C-alpha atoms as a PDB file:
ATOM      1  CA  MET A   1     -26.914 -13.586  28.385  1.00  0.00           C
ATOM      2  CA  THR A   2     -23.483 -12.663  27.061  1.00  0.00           C
ATOM      3  CA  SER A   3     -23.059 -11.098  23.640  1.00  0.00           C
ATOM      4  CA  SER A   4     -21.308 -12.981  20.865  1.00  0.00           C
ATOM      5  CA  PRO A   5     -17.598 -12.270  20.576  1.00  0.00           C
ATOM      6  CA  LEU A   6     -16.366  -9.980  17.823  1.00  0.00           C
ATOM      7  CA  VAL A   7     -14.391 -11.673  15.063  1.00  0.00           C
ATOM      8  CA  ALA A   8     -10.921 -10.317  14.318  1.00  0.00           C
ATOM      9  CA  ALA A   9      -9.162 -11.297  11.091  1.00  0.00           C
ATOM     10  CA  VAL A  10      -5.421 -10.771  10.678  1.00  0.00           C
ATOM     11  CA  VAL A  11      -3.749 -10.502   7.284  1.00  0.00           C
ATOM     12  CA  GLY A  12       0.010 -10.934   7.528  1.00  0.00           C
ATOM     13  CA  ALA A  13      -0.437 -13.074  10.613  1.00  0.00           C
ATOM     14  CA  SER A  14       2.873 -14.900  10.184  1.00  0.00           C
ATOM     15  CA  GLY A  15       5.031 -11.819  10.780  1.00  0.00           C
ATOM     16  CA  TYR A  16       6.319 -10.440  14.063  1.00  0.00           C
ATOM     17  CA  ALA A  17       3.637  -7.748  14.350  1.00  0.00           C
ATOM     18  CA  GLY A  18       0.980 -10.249  13.315  1.00  0.00           C
ATOM     19  CA  GLY A  19       2.145 -12.686  15.972  1.00  0.00           C
ATOM     20  CA  GLU A  20       2.102  -9.983  18.632  1.00  0.00           C
ATOM     21  CA  LEU A  21      -1.430  -9.049  17.585  1.00  0.00           C
ATOM     22  CA  LEU A  22      -2.538 -12.654  17.938  1.00  0.00           C
ATOM     23  CA  ARG A  23      -1.031 -12.815  21.422  1.00  0.00           C
ATOM     24  CA  LEU A  24      -3.027  -9.765  22.461  1.00  0.00           C
ATOM     25  CA  LEU A  25      -6.245 -10.914  20.790  1.00  0.00           C
ATOM     26  CA  LEU A  26      -6.124 -14.248  22.614  1.00  0.00           C
ATOM     27  CA  ALA A  27      -6.307 -12.379  25.936  1.00  0.00           C
ATOM     28  CA  HIS A  28      -8.971  -9.894  24.828  1.00  0.00           C
ATOM     29  CA  PRO A  29     -12.359 -10.292  26.517  1.00  0.00           C
ATOM     30  CA  SER A  30     -14.426  -9.311  23.454  1.00  0.00           C
ATOM     31  CA  PHE A  31     -12.628 -10.862  20.473  1.00  0.00           C
ATOM     32  CA  GLU A  32     -12.265 -14.284  18.976  1.00  0.00           C
ATOM     33  CA  VAL A  33      -9.500 -14.965  16.484  1.00  0.00           C
ATOM     34  CA  GLY A  34     -10.945 -15.337  13.009  1.00  0.00           C
ATOM     35  CA  PRO A  35      -9.241 -15.909   9.642  1.00  0.00           C
ATOM     36  CA  LEU A  36      -5.433 -15.809   9.707  1.00  0.00           C
ATOM     37  CA  ALA A  37      -4.026 -14.981   6.284  1.00  0.00           C
ATOM     38  CA  ALA A  38      -0.321 -15.310   5.632  1.00  0.00           C
ATOM     39  CA  GLY A  39       0.375 -15.413   1.895  1.00  0.00           C
ATOM     40  CA  SER A  40       3.513 -17.480   1.382  1.00  0.00           C
ATOM     41  CA  SER A  41       2.993 -19.248   4.725  1.00  0.00           C
ATOM     42  CA  ALA A  42      -0.480 -20.495   3.783  1.00  0.00           C
ATOM     43  CA  GLY A  43      -0.976 -24.090   4.917  1.00  0.00           C
ATOM     44  CA  LYS A  44       1.537 -23.893   7.767  1.00  0.00           C
ATOM     45  CA  ARG A  45       0.435 -24.387  11.342  1.00  0.00           C
ATOM     46  CA  VAL A  46       0.418 -21.171  13.354  1.00  0.00           C
ATOM     47  CA  THR A  47       2.761 -22.640  15.953  1.00  0.00           C
ATOM     48  CA  GLU A  48       5.400 -23.393  13.323  1.00  0.00           C
ATOM     49  CA  LEU A  49       6.093 -19.659  13.195  1.00  0.00           C
ATOM     50  CA  HIS A  50       4.663 -18.605  16.568  1.00  0.00           C
ATOM     51  CA  PRO A  51       5.444 -21.470  18.966  1.00  0.00           C
ATOM     52  CA  HIS A  52       4.308 -19.402  21.963  1.00  0.00           C
ATOM     53  CA  LEU A  53       0.726 -19.255  20.643  1.00  0.00           C
ATOM     54  CA  THR A  54      -0.237 -22.735  21.802  1.00  0.00           C
ATOM     55  CA  ALA A  55      -3.908 -21.771  21.983  1.00  0.00           C
ATOM     56  CA  LEU A  56      -3.793 -21.660  18.172  1.00  0.00           C
ATOM     57  CA  ALA A  57      -1.971 -24.987  17.760  1.00  0.00           C
ATOM     58  CA  ASP A  58      -4.867 -26.424  15.754  1.00  0.00           C
ATOM     59  CA  ARG A  59      -5.024 -23.462  13.353  1.00  0.00           C
ATOM     60  CA  THR A  60      -3.305 -23.044   9.996  1.00  0.00           C
ATOM     61  CA  PHE A  61      -2.643 -19.935   7.952  1.00  0.00           C
ATOM     62  CA  ILE A  62      -4.765 -19.397   4.859  1.00  0.00           C
ATOM     63  CA  GLY A  63      -4.026 -17.536   1.655  1.00  0.00           C
ATOM     64  CA  THR A  64      -4.956 -13.878   1.363  1.00  0.00           C
ATOM     65  CA  ASP A  65      -8.552 -14.304   0.221  1.00  0.00           C
ATOM     66  CA  VAL A  66     -10.782 -11.238   0.619  1.00  0.00           C
ATOM     67  CA  ASP A  67     -13.909 -13.426   0.605  1.00  0.00           C
ATOM     68  CA  ALA A  68     -12.680 -15.086   3.801  1.00  0.00           C
ATOM     69  CA  LEU A  69     -12.358 -11.702   5.523  1.00  0.00           C
ATOM     70  CA  ILE A  70     -15.651  -9.985   4.786  1.00  0.00           C
ATOM     71  CA  GLU A  71     -17.571 -11.456   7.740  1.00  0.00           C
ATOM     72  CA  ALA A  72     -15.002 -10.225  10.282  1.00  0.00           C
ATOM     73  CA  ASP A  73     -15.886  -7.326  12.578  1.00  0.00           C
ATOM     74  CA  VAL A  74     -12.367  -5.955  12.225  1.00  0.00           C
ATOM     75  CA  VAL A  75      -9.595  -6.734   9.763  1.00  0.00           C
ATOM     76  CA  PHE A  76      -6.035  -6.007  10.804  1.00  0.00           C
ATOM     77  CA  LEU A  77      -3.567  -5.633   7.939  1.00  0.00           C
ATOM     78  CA  ALA A  78      -0.053  -6.465   9.167  1.00  0.00           C
ATOM     79  CA  LEU A  79       1.581  -6.460   5.758  1.00  0.00           C
ATOM     80  CA  PRO A  80       4.754  -5.026   4.242  1.00  0.00           C
ATOM     81  CA  HIS A  81       4.448  -1.448   3.031  1.00  0.00           C
ATOM     82  CA  GLY A  82       2.673  -1.164  -0.307  1.00  0.00           C
ATOM     83  CA  GLU A  83       0.582  -4.328   0.063  1.00  0.00           C
ATOM     84  CA  SER A  84      -2.424  -3.134   2.094  1.00  0.00           C
ATOM     85  CA  GLY A  85      -4.095  -0.808  -0.370  1.00  0.00           C
ATOM     86  CA  ALA A  86      -5.481  -3.389  -2.774  1.00  0.00           C
ATOM     87  CA  ILE A  87      -6.872  -5.614  -0.012  1.00  0.00           C
ATOM     88  CA  ALA A  88      -8.462  -2.712   1.835  1.00  0.00           C
ATOM     89  CA  ALA A  89     -10.107  -1.437  -1.351  1.00  0.00           C
ATOM     90  CA  ALA A  90     -11.801  -4.810  -1.854  1.00  0.00           C
ATOM     91  CA  LEU A  91     -13.323  -4.933   1.652  1.00  0.00           C
ATOM     92  CA  PRO A  92     -16.839  -3.586   2.376  1.00  0.00           C
ATOM     93  CA  ALA A  93     -16.923   0.085   3.352  1.00  0.00           C
ATOM     94  CA  GLY A  94     -18.571  -0.757   6.664  1.00  0.00           C
ATOM     95  CA  THR A  95     -15.831  -3.158   7.784  1.00  0.00           C
ATOM     96  CA  LEU A  96     -13.422  -1.726  10.320  1.00  0.00           C
ATOM     97  CA  VAL A  97      -9.912  -1.995   8.892  1.00  0.00           C
ATOM     98  CA  VAL A  98      -6.764  -1.128  10.824  1.00  0.00           C
ATOM     99  CA  ASP A  99      -3.645  -0.958   8.661  1.00  0.00           C
ATOM    100  CA  LEU A 100      -0.423  -1.577  10.571  1.00  0.00           C
ATOM    101  CA  GLY A 101       1.567  -0.764   7.425  1.00  0.00           C
ATOM    102  CA  ALA A 102       2.378   2.671   6.041  1.00  0.00           C
ATOM    103  CA  ASP A 103       0.073   2.630   3.019  1.00  0.00           C
ATOM    104  CA  HIS A 104      -2.513   5.057   4.388  1.00  0.00           C
ATOM    105  CA  ARG A 105      -0.572   7.236   6.873  1.00  0.00           C
ATOM    106  CA  LEU A 106       0.641  10.041   4.643  1.00  0.00           C
ATOM    107  CA  ALA A 107      -1.497  12.870   3.293  1.00  0.00           C
ATOM    108  CA  ASP A 108       1.101  13.863   0.695  1.00  0.00           C
ATOM    109  CA  ALA A 109       1.104  11.488  -2.294  1.00  0.00           C
ATOM    110  CA  GLU A 110       4.422  12.895  -3.494  1.00  0.00           C
ATOM    111  CA  ALA A 111       6.041  12.105  -0.143  1.00  0.00           C
ATOM    112  CA  TRP A 112       4.709   8.544  -0.375  1.00  0.00           C
ATOM    113  CA  SER A 113       6.199   8.100  -3.844  1.00  0.00           C
ATOM    114  CA  ARG A 114       9.535   9.573  -2.779  1.00  0.00           C
ATOM    115  CA  TYR A 115       9.984   7.479   0.361  1.00  0.00           C
ATOM    116  CA  TYR A 116       8.123   4.274  -0.520  1.00  0.00           C
ATOM    117  CA  GLY A 117       7.701   4.221  -4.296  1.00  0.00           C
ATOM    118  CA  GLY A 118       4.626   3.283  -6.279  1.00  0.00           C
ATOM    119  CA  ASN A 119       1.124   4.722  -6.159  1.00  0.00           C
ATOM    120  CA  HIS A 120      -0.312   6.317  -3.042  1.00  0.00           C
ATOM    121  CA  ALA A 121      -3.273   4.288  -1.692  1.00  0.00           C
ATOM    122  CA  GLY A 122      -4.959   7.259  -0.010  1.00  0.00           C
ATOM    123  CA  THR A 123      -5.110   8.781   3.454  1.00  0.00           C
ATOM    124  CA  TRP A 124      -6.983   7.303   6.411  1.00  0.00           C
ATOM    125  CA  THR A 125      -7.638   8.517   9.953  1.00  0.00           C
ATOM    126  CA  TYR A 126      -4.307   8.579  11.782  1.00  0.00           C
ATOM    127  CA  GLY A 127      -4.510   6.148  14.685  1.00  0.00           C
ATOM    128  CA  MET A 128      -2.626   7.853  17.503  1.00  0.00           C
ATOM    129  CA  PRO A 129      -5.306   8.338  20.175  1.00  0.00           C
ATOM    130  CA  GLU A 130      -3.187  10.531  22.457  1.00  0.00           C
ATOM    131  CA  LEU A 131      -2.377  13.067  19.722  1.00  0.00           C
ATOM    132  CA  GLY A 132      -4.604  16.156  19.732  1.00  0.00           C
ATOM    133  CA  ASP A 133      -8.200  15.328  18.774  1.00  0.00           C
ATOM    134  CA  GLN A 134      -7.403  11.993  17.141  1.00  0.00           C
ATOM    135  CA  ARG A 135      -9.316   9.897  19.651  1.00  0.00           C
ATOM    136  CA  ALA A 136     -12.614  11.463  18.583  1.00  0.00           C
ATOM    137  CA  GLU A 137     -11.815  10.881  14.901  1.00  0.00           C
ATOM    138  CA  ILE A 138     -10.827   7.274  15.545  1.00  0.00           C
ATOM    139  CA  ALA A 139     -14.124   6.633  17.333  1.00  0.00           C
ATOM    140  CA  THR A 140     -16.114   7.225  14.135  1.00  0.00           C
ATOM    141  CA  ALA A 141     -13.627   5.858  11.591  1.00  0.00           C
ATOM    142  CA  ARG A 142     -13.947   2.631   9.610  1.00  0.00           C
ATOM    143  CA  ARG A 143     -10.441   2.946   8.134  1.00  0.00           C
ATOM    144  CA  ILE A 144      -7.543   3.608  10.517  1.00  0.00           C
ATOM    145  CA  ALA A 145      -3.865   4.042   9.650  1.00  0.00           C
ATOM    146  CA  ASN A 146      -1.812   2.717  12.538  1.00  0.00           C
ATOM    147  CA  PRO A 147       1.289   4.863  13.198  1.00  0.00           C
ATOM    148  CA  GLY A 148       4.809   3.624  12.582  1.00  0.00           C
ATOM    149  CA  CYS A 149       6.982   2.404  15.443  1.00  0.00           C
ATOM    150  CA  TYR A 150       9.632   5.130  15.404  1.00  0.00           C
ATOM    151  CA  PRO A 151       7.043   7.918  14.946  1.00  0.00           C
ATOM    152  CA  THR A 152       4.995   6.789  17.951  1.00  0.00           C
ATOM    153  CA  GLY A 153       7.561   7.590  20.622  1.00  0.00           C
ATOM    154  CA  VAL A 154       9.008  10.614  18.836  1.00  0.00           C
ATOM    155  CA  ILE A 155       5.658  12.286  18.121  1.00  0.00           C
ATOM    156  CA  LEU A 156       4.193  11.727  21.569  1.00  0.00           C
ATOM    157  CA  GLY A 157       7.348  13.074  23.173  1.00  0.00           C
ATOM    158  CA  LEU A 158       7.651  16.294  21.181  1.00  0.00           C
ATOM    159  CA  ALA A 159       4.128  17.215  20.025  1.00  0.00           C
ATOM    160  CA  PRO A 160       2.996  18.799  23.332  1.00  0.00           C
ATOM    161  CA  LEU A 161       6.130  20.956  23.466  1.00  0.00           C
ATOM    162  CA  LEU A 162       5.593  22.209  19.921  1.00  0.00           C
ATOM    163  CA  ALA A 163       1.891  22.830  20.547  1.00  0.00           C
ATOM    164  CA  ALA A 164       2.751  24.947  23.593  1.00  0.00           C
ATOM    165  CA  GLY A 165       5.425  26.934  21.727  1.00  0.00           C
ATOM    166  CA  LEU A 166       8.176  25.740  24.076  1.00  0.00           C
ATOM    167  CA  VAL A 167      10.504  24.579  21.294  1.00  0.00           C
ATOM    168  CA  GLU A 168      11.279  25.787  17.778  1.00  0.00           C
ATOM    169  CA  PRO A 169       9.961  23.784  14.804  1.00  0.00           C
ATOM    170  CA  ASP A 170      12.762  24.247  12.281  1.00  0.00           C
ATOM    171  CA  ASP A 171      15.596  22.219  13.813  1.00  0.00           C
ATOM    172  CA  VAL A 172      14.343  18.924  15.236  1.00  0.00           C
ATOM    173  CA  VAL A 173      16.923  16.130  15.494  1.00  0.00           C
ATOM    174  CA  VAL A 174      16.003  12.505  16.242  1.00  0.00           C
ATOM    175  CA  VAL A 175      18.397   9.637  16.941  1.00  0.00           C
ATOM    176  CA  ALA A 176      16.584   6.395  17.746  1.00  0.00           C
ATOM    177  CA  ALA A 177      17.659   2.786  18.258  1.00  0.00           C
ATOM    178  CA  SER A 178      15.364  -0.133  17.440  1.00  0.00           C
ATOM    179  CA  GLY A 179      15.427  -3.854  18.028  1.00  0.00           C
ATOM    180  CA  THR A 180      15.755  -6.207  15.086  1.00  0.00           C
ATOM    181  CA  THR A 181      12.042  -7.119  14.862  1.00  0.00           C
ATOM    182  CA  GLY A 182      11.464  -3.635  13.483  1.00  0.00           C
ATOM    183  CA  ALA A 183      12.943  -4.854  10.220  1.00  0.00           C
ATOM    184  CA  GLY A 184      10.381  -7.637   9.857  1.00  0.00           C
ATOM    185  CA  ARG A 185      10.809 -11.368   9.443  1.00  0.00           C
ATOM    186  CA  LYS A 186      12.444 -11.456   6.010  1.00  0.00           C
ATOM    187  CA  PRO A 187      15.970 -12.890   6.362  1.00  0.00           C
ATOM    188  CA  SER A 188      18.992 -10.725   5.543  1.00  0.00           C
ATOM    189  CA  ASP A 189      22.713 -10.719   6.314  1.00  0.00           C
ATOM    190  CA  ALA A 190      22.310  -7.469   8.254  1.00  0.00           C
ATOM    191  CA  LEU A 191      19.961  -9.216  10.703  1.00  0.00           C
ATOM    192  CA  LEU A 192      22.019 -12.348  11.342  1.00  0.00           C
ATOM    193  CA  ALA A 193      22.703 -12.841  15.048  1.00  0.00           C
ATOM    194  CA  SER A 194      26.459 -12.904  14.405  1.00  0.00           C
ATOM    195  CA  THR A 195      26.165  -9.525  12.664  1.00  0.00           C
ATOM    196  CA  VAL A 196      23.873  -7.818  15.157  1.00  0.00           C
ATOM    197  CA  MET A 197      25.255  -9.036  18.472  1.00  0.00           C
ATOM    198  CA  GLY A 198      27.728  -6.796  20.244  1.00  0.00           C
ATOM    199  CA  GLN A 199      27.297  -3.702  18.111  1.00  0.00           C
ATOM    200  CA  LEU A 200      25.104  -0.744  17.201  1.00  0.00           C
ATOM    201  CA  SER A 201      24.860   0.296  13.556  1.00  0.00           C
ATOM    202  CA  ALA A 202      23.268   3.227  11.748  1.00  0.00           C
ATOM    203  CA  TYR A 203      21.150   2.741   8.633  1.00  0.00           C
ATOM    204  CA  LYS A 204      19.128   4.851   6.198  1.00  0.00           C
ATOM    205  CA  VAL A 205      21.093   7.918   7.263  1.00  0.00           C
ATOM    206  CA  GLY A 206      20.735  11.366   5.721  1.00  0.00           C
ATOM    207  CA  GLY A 207      16.979  11.863   5.709  1.00  0.00           C
ATOM    208  CA  THR A 208      16.194   8.691   3.759  1.00  0.00           C
ATOM    209  CA  HIS A 209      14.256   6.677   6.348  1.00  0.00           C
ATOM    210  CA  GLN A 210      10.623   6.234   5.334  1.00  0.00           C
ATOM    211  CA  HIS A 211       9.284   7.377   8.711  1.00  0.00           C
ATOM    212  CA  THR A 212      10.669  10.890   8.253  1.00  0.00           C
ATOM    213  CA  PRO A 213       7.615  12.348   6.440  1.00  0.00           C
ATOM    214  CA  GLU A 214       5.216  10.717   8.918  1.00  0.00           C
ATOM    215  CA  ILE A 215       7.023  12.301  11.867  1.00  0.00           C
ATOM    216  CA  GLU A 216       7.102  15.682  10.124  1.00  0.00           C
ATOM    217  CA  GLN A 217       3.427  15.452   9.169  1.00  0.00           C
ATOM    218  CA  ALA A 218       2.213  14.822  12.733  1.00  0.00           C
ATOM    219  CA  LEU A 219       4.562  17.329  14.348  1.00  0.00           C
ATOM    220  CA  THR A 220       3.608  19.985  11.789  1.00  0.00           C
ATOM    221  CA  GLY A 221      -0.020  19.456  12.735  1.00  0.00           C
ATOM    222  CA  ALA A 222       0.832  19.870  16.428  1.00  0.00           C
ATOM    223  CA  ALA A 223       2.962  22.977  15.874  1.00  0.00           C
ATOM    224  CA  GLY A 224       0.664  24.701  13.405  1.00  0.00           C
ATOM    225  CA  GLU A 225       3.666  25.419  11.195  1.00  0.00           C
ATOM    226  CA  ARG A 226       6.187  23.449   9.191  1.00  0.00           C
ATOM    227  CA  VAL A 227       8.437  21.162  11.236  1.00  0.00           C
ATOM    228  CA  THR A 228      11.710  19.905   9.769  1.00  0.00           C
ATOM    229  CA  VAL A 229      13.235  16.699  11.141  1.00  0.00           C
ATOM    230  CA  SER A 230      16.682  15.148  10.807  1.00  0.00           C
ATOM    231  CA  PHE A 231      16.222  11.449  11.635  1.00  0.00           C
ATOM    232  CA  THR A 232      18.984   8.892  12.160  1.00  0.00           C
ATOM    233  CA  PRO A 233      17.890   5.338  13.013  1.00  0.00           C
ATOM    234  CA  LEU A 234      20.133   2.762  14.684  1.00  0.00           C
ATOM    235  CA  LEU A 235      19.901  -1.021  14.828  1.00  0.00           C
ATOM    236  CA  ALA A 236      20.376  -2.291  18.372  1.00  0.00           C
ATOM    237  CA  PRO A 237      21.378  -5.829  19.451  1.00  0.00           C
ATOM    238  CA  MET A 238      17.994  -6.709  20.987  1.00  0.00           C
ATOM    239  CA  PRO A 239      14.852  -8.321  19.571  1.00  0.00           C
ATOM    240  CA  ARG A 240      12.378  -5.560  20.421  1.00  0.00           C
ATOM    241  CA  GLY A 241      12.130  -2.040  21.804  1.00  0.00           C
ATOM    242  CA  ILE A 242      12.878   1.526  20.700  1.00  0.00           C
ATOM    243  CA  LEU A 243      14.740   4.227  22.589  1.00  0.00           C
ATOM    244  CA  ALA A 244      14.472   7.608  20.881  1.00  0.00           C
ATOM    245  CA  THR A 245      16.271  10.842  21.757  1.00  0.00           C
ATOM    246  CA  THR A 246      14.711  13.948  20.217  1.00  0.00           C
ATOM    247  CA  THR A 247      16.127  17.446  20.547  1.00  0.00           C
ATOM    248  CA  ALA A 248      14.822  20.857  19.468  1.00  0.00           C
ATOM    249  CA  ARG A 249      15.854  24.443  20.146  1.00  0.00           C
ATOM    250  CA  LEU A 250      14.288  25.916  23.263  1.00  0.00           C
ATOM    251  CA  ALA A 251      12.131  29.015  23.213  1.00  0.00           C
ATOM    252  CA  ASP A 252      13.442  31.819  25.424  1.00  0.00           C
ATOM    253  CA  GLY A 253      13.258  31.214  29.154  1.00  0.00           C
ATOM    254  CA  VAL A 254      11.988  27.629  29.007  1.00  0.00           C
ATOM    255  CA  THR A 255      13.198  25.431  31.858  1.00  0.00           C
ATOM    256  CA  THR A 256      13.121  21.711  32.547  1.00  0.00           C
ATOM    257  CA  GLU A 257      10.237  22.285  34.951  1.00  0.00           C
ATOM    258  CA  VAL A 258       8.183  24.023  32.250  1.00  0.00           C
ATOM    259  CA  LEU A 259       8.838  21.209  29.777  1.00  0.00           C
ATOM    260  CA  HIS A 260       7.933  18.595  32.361  1.00  0.00           C
ATOM    261  CA  GLU A 261       4.698  20.382  33.224  1.00  0.00           C
ATOM    262  CA  ALA A 262       3.721  20.520  29.536  1.00  0.00           C
ATOM    263  CA  LEU A 263       4.095  16.759  29.147  1.00  0.00           C
ATOM    264  CA  HIS A 264       2.187  16.106  32.374  1.00  0.00           C
ATOM    265  CA  ALA A 265      -0.647  18.381  31.247  1.00  0.00           C
ATOM    266  CA  ALA A 266      -0.843  16.695  27.834  1.00  0.00           C
ATOM    267  CA  TYR A 267      -1.006  13.149  29.175  1.00  0.00           C
ATOM    268  CA  ALA A 268      -2.811  13.448  32.492  1.00  0.00           C
ATOM    269  CA  GLY A 269      -5.205  10.521  32.655  1.00  0.00           C
ATOM    270  CA  GLU A 270      -3.782   8.766  29.592  1.00  0.00           C
ATOM    271  CA  PRO A 271      -3.599   5.035  30.363  1.00  0.00           C
ATOM    272  CA  PHE A 272      -0.610   4.260  28.165  1.00  0.00           C
ATOM    273  CA  VAL A 273       1.646   7.331  28.351  1.00  0.00           C
ATOM    274  CA  THR A 274       3.793   7.810  31.447  1.00  0.00           C
ATOM    275  CA  VAL A 275       5.888  10.896  32.125  1.00  0.00           C
ATOM    276  CA  LEU A 276       8.533   9.563  34.476  1.00  0.00           C
ATOM    277  CA  PRO A 277       9.452  11.281  37.731  1.00  0.00           C
ATOM    278  CA  SER A 278      12.297  13.801  37.568  1.00  0.00           C
ATOM    279  CA  GLY A 279      15.646  12.037  37.496  1.00  0.00           C
ATOM    280  CA  SER A 280      14.278   8.815  35.976  1.00  0.00           C
ATOM    281  CA  TRP A 281      14.960   8.090  32.309  1.00  0.00           C
ATOM    282  CA  PRO A 282      13.170   5.695  29.938  1.00  0.00           C
ATOM    283  CA  GLN A 283      14.493   2.191  29.386  1.00  0.00           C
ATOM    284  CA  THR A 284      13.324  -0.179  26.679  1.00  0.00           C
ATOM    285  CA  GLY A 285      13.142  -3.107  29.094  1.00  0.00           C
ATOM    286  CA  ALA A 286      10.510  -1.330  31.182  1.00  0.00           C
ATOM    287  CA  THR A 287       8.076  -1.258  28.248  1.00  0.00           C
ATOM    288  CA  LEU A 288       8.652  -4.819  27.033  1.00  0.00           C
ATOM    289  CA  GLY A 289       5.336  -6.404  26.052  1.00  0.00           C
ATOM    290  CA  ALA A 290       3.376  -3.334  27.158  1.00  0.00           C
ATOM    291  CA  ASN A 291       1.266  -0.878  25.192  1.00  0.00           C
ATOM    292  CA  SER A 292       3.087   1.940  26.932  1.00  0.00           C
ATOM    293  CA  VAL A 293       5.218   4.977  26.188  1.00  0.00           C
ATOM    294  CA  HIS A 294       7.673   6.196  28.802  1.00  0.00           C
ATOM    295  CA  LEU A 295       8.784   9.815  28.481  1.00  0.00           C
ATOM    296  CA  GLN A 296      11.292  12.131  30.108  1.00  0.00           C
ATOM    297  CA  VAL A 297      12.490  15.619  29.202  1.00  0.00           C
ATOM    298  CA  ALA A 298      15.208  18.081  30.150  1.00  0.00           C
ATOM    299  CA  ALA A 299      16.233  21.588  29.139  1.00  0.00           C
ATOM    300  CA  ASP A 300      19.894  21.550  28.089  1.00  0.00           C
ATOM    301  CA  ARG A 301      20.775  25.142  28.937  1.00  0.00           C
ATOM    302  CA  HIS A 302      24.327  24.692  27.656  1.00  0.00           C
ATOM    303  CA  SER A 303      23.184  24.028  24.072  1.00  0.00           C
ATOM    304  CA  GLY A 304      19.819  25.753  24.294  1.00  0.00           C
ATOM    305  CA  ARG A 305      17.916  22.609  23.359  1.00  0.00           C
ATOM    306  CA  ALA A 306      15.120  20.501  24.807  1.00  0.00           C
ATOM    307  CA  VAL A 307      15.990  16.815  25.100  1.00  0.00           C
ATOM    308  CA  VAL A 308      13.105  14.331  25.063  1.00  0.00           C
ATOM    309  CA  VAL A 309      13.733  10.609  25.568  1.00  0.00           C
ATOM    310  CA  SER A 310      11.027   8.033  24.847  1.00  0.00           C
ATOM    311  CA  ALA A 311      10.880   4.250  25.156  1.00  0.00           C
ATOM    312  CA  ILE A 312       8.353   1.878  23.623  1.00  0.00           C
ATOM    313  CA  ASP A 313       8.067  -1.747  22.613  1.00  0.00           C
ATOM    314  CA  ASN A 314       8.095  -1.514  18.810  1.00  0.00           C
ATOM    315  CA  LEU A 315       5.821  -4.557  18.452  1.00  0.00           C
ATOM    316  CA  THR A 316       3.260  -3.459  21.037  1.00  0.00           C
ATOM    317  CA  LYS A 317       2.645   0.286  21.314  1.00  0.00           C
ATOM    318  CA  GLY A 318       4.660   0.629  18.105  1.00  0.00           C
ATOM    319  CA  ALA A 319       2.439  -1.800  16.172  1.00  0.00           C
ATOM    320  CA  ALA A 320       0.005  -4.456  17.432  1.00  0.00           C
ATOM    321  CA  GLY A 321      -0.939  -2.930  20.774  1.00  0.00           C
ATOM    322  CA  GLN A 322      -1.731   0.443  19.274  1.00  0.00           C
ATOM    323  CA  ALA A 323      -3.726  -1.278  16.524  1.00  0.00           C
ATOM    324  CA  LEU A 324      -5.831  -3.068  19.135  1.00  0.00           C
ATOM    325  CA  GLN A 325      -6.212   0.181  21.103  1.00  0.00           C
ATOM    326  CA  ASN A 326      -7.556   1.828  17.939  1.00  0.00           C
ATOM    327  CA  ALA A 327      -9.937  -1.043  17.262  1.00  0.00           C
ATOM    328  CA  ASN A 328     -11.243  -0.848  20.825  1.00  0.00           C
ATOM    329  CA  ILE A 329     -12.034   2.846  20.384  1.00  0.00           C
ATOM    330  CA  ALA A 330     -13.644   2.424  16.962  1.00  0.00           C
ATOM    331  CA  LEU A 331     -15.826  -0.459  18.149  1.00  0.00           C
ATOM    332  CA  GLY A 332     -16.961   1.289  21.327  1.00  0.00           C
ATOM    333  CA  LEU A 333     -15.081  -1.090  23.630  1.00  0.00           C
ATOM    334  CA  PRO A 334     -13.068  -0.011  26.677  1.00  0.00           C
ATOM    335  CA  GLU A 335      -9.885   1.487  25.249  1.00  0.00           C
ATOM    336  CA  THR A 336      -7.653  -0.544  27.552  1.00  0.00           C
ATOM    337  CA  ALA A 337      -9.343  -3.912  26.902  1.00  0.00           C
ATOM    338  CA  GLY A 338      -6.830  -6.671  26.249  1.00  0.00           C
ATOM    339  CA  LEU A 339      -3.902  -4.322  26.846  1.00  0.00           C
ATOM    340  CA  THR A 340      -1.519  -3.536  29.672  1.00  0.00           C
ATOM    341  CA  ALA A 341       0.770  -0.600  30.421  1.00  0.00           C
ATOM    342  CA  ILE A 342       2.943  -2.804  32.631  1.00  0.00           C
ATOM    343  CA  GLY A 343       6.079  -4.215  31.061  1.00  0.00           C
ATOM    344  CA  VAL A 344       7.805  -7.564  31.641  1.00  0.00           C
ATOM    345  CA  ALA A 345      11.060  -7.583  33.587  1.00  0.00           C
ATOM    346  CA  PRO A 346      13.805  -8.611  33.669  1.00  0.00           C
END
């Protein structure tokens, strides 16, 4: 006799992250797709917005009704920042909730107000399984804050080096390029194809990007002392993917080999983090559609800095894939169920 499938509800199912989550859930051996809430898209067929999800061709989005969600085994909140708190507060305490938005990531309420505005909804277990002891915390949590897309690659690339004392914490510089889906589905002139194609552009420069405090929070925890980050995001002419370059001052005598060994030691046996062989550098195309992080590192002896490059798919490991990975852990399922570390190419 087989056990009944677990029911997964998705709120914000009409967005890019919501659509990616549905794609992954449809291939998961233990889940069935439950209520699909989509606010302003309520009443539309799923395939009007996600034409690739033909298995859901007979389904329509519903309004965001908490009563429709309470029987689900897990509720995924794939909503714009600031919209998850009220829904989560209305759900039973025993319901597993994974928030793909930023509402519950930050421990500092003042930082939330400064970068996002409004009232802080509280702090949940941070859902980055490969970071320190987080996997054990996730396993017993009923409320999980899924990390942001930019922070995922940056944190996993630098945290082991800070924890080992191989780099200095007070001068971390991040420059990262993201595909257009990172900005969500809401139309804007900046995301028109004719605007994006053929160029790179910087945005939210000068320490104003909302992921800055999340990156600093996680890296400070890894370092055991305050980490300061200068973060410059770039918009790249591609639908999905993030390539991040992070640099930090080297501790005395640290070589490329030492840095490489630290990353290998941190992620040995991790199913979704790959430290590439020496001489190979991450590419966004190699992680397309995969719940994977590709990492490489070098010691720049000329400038005295470590250089870490990471690549992820912002919709998979940077959002929906990591959310499903967290749900697997919290529900006692195989962590890799319904997920792959192998990208799609070309």
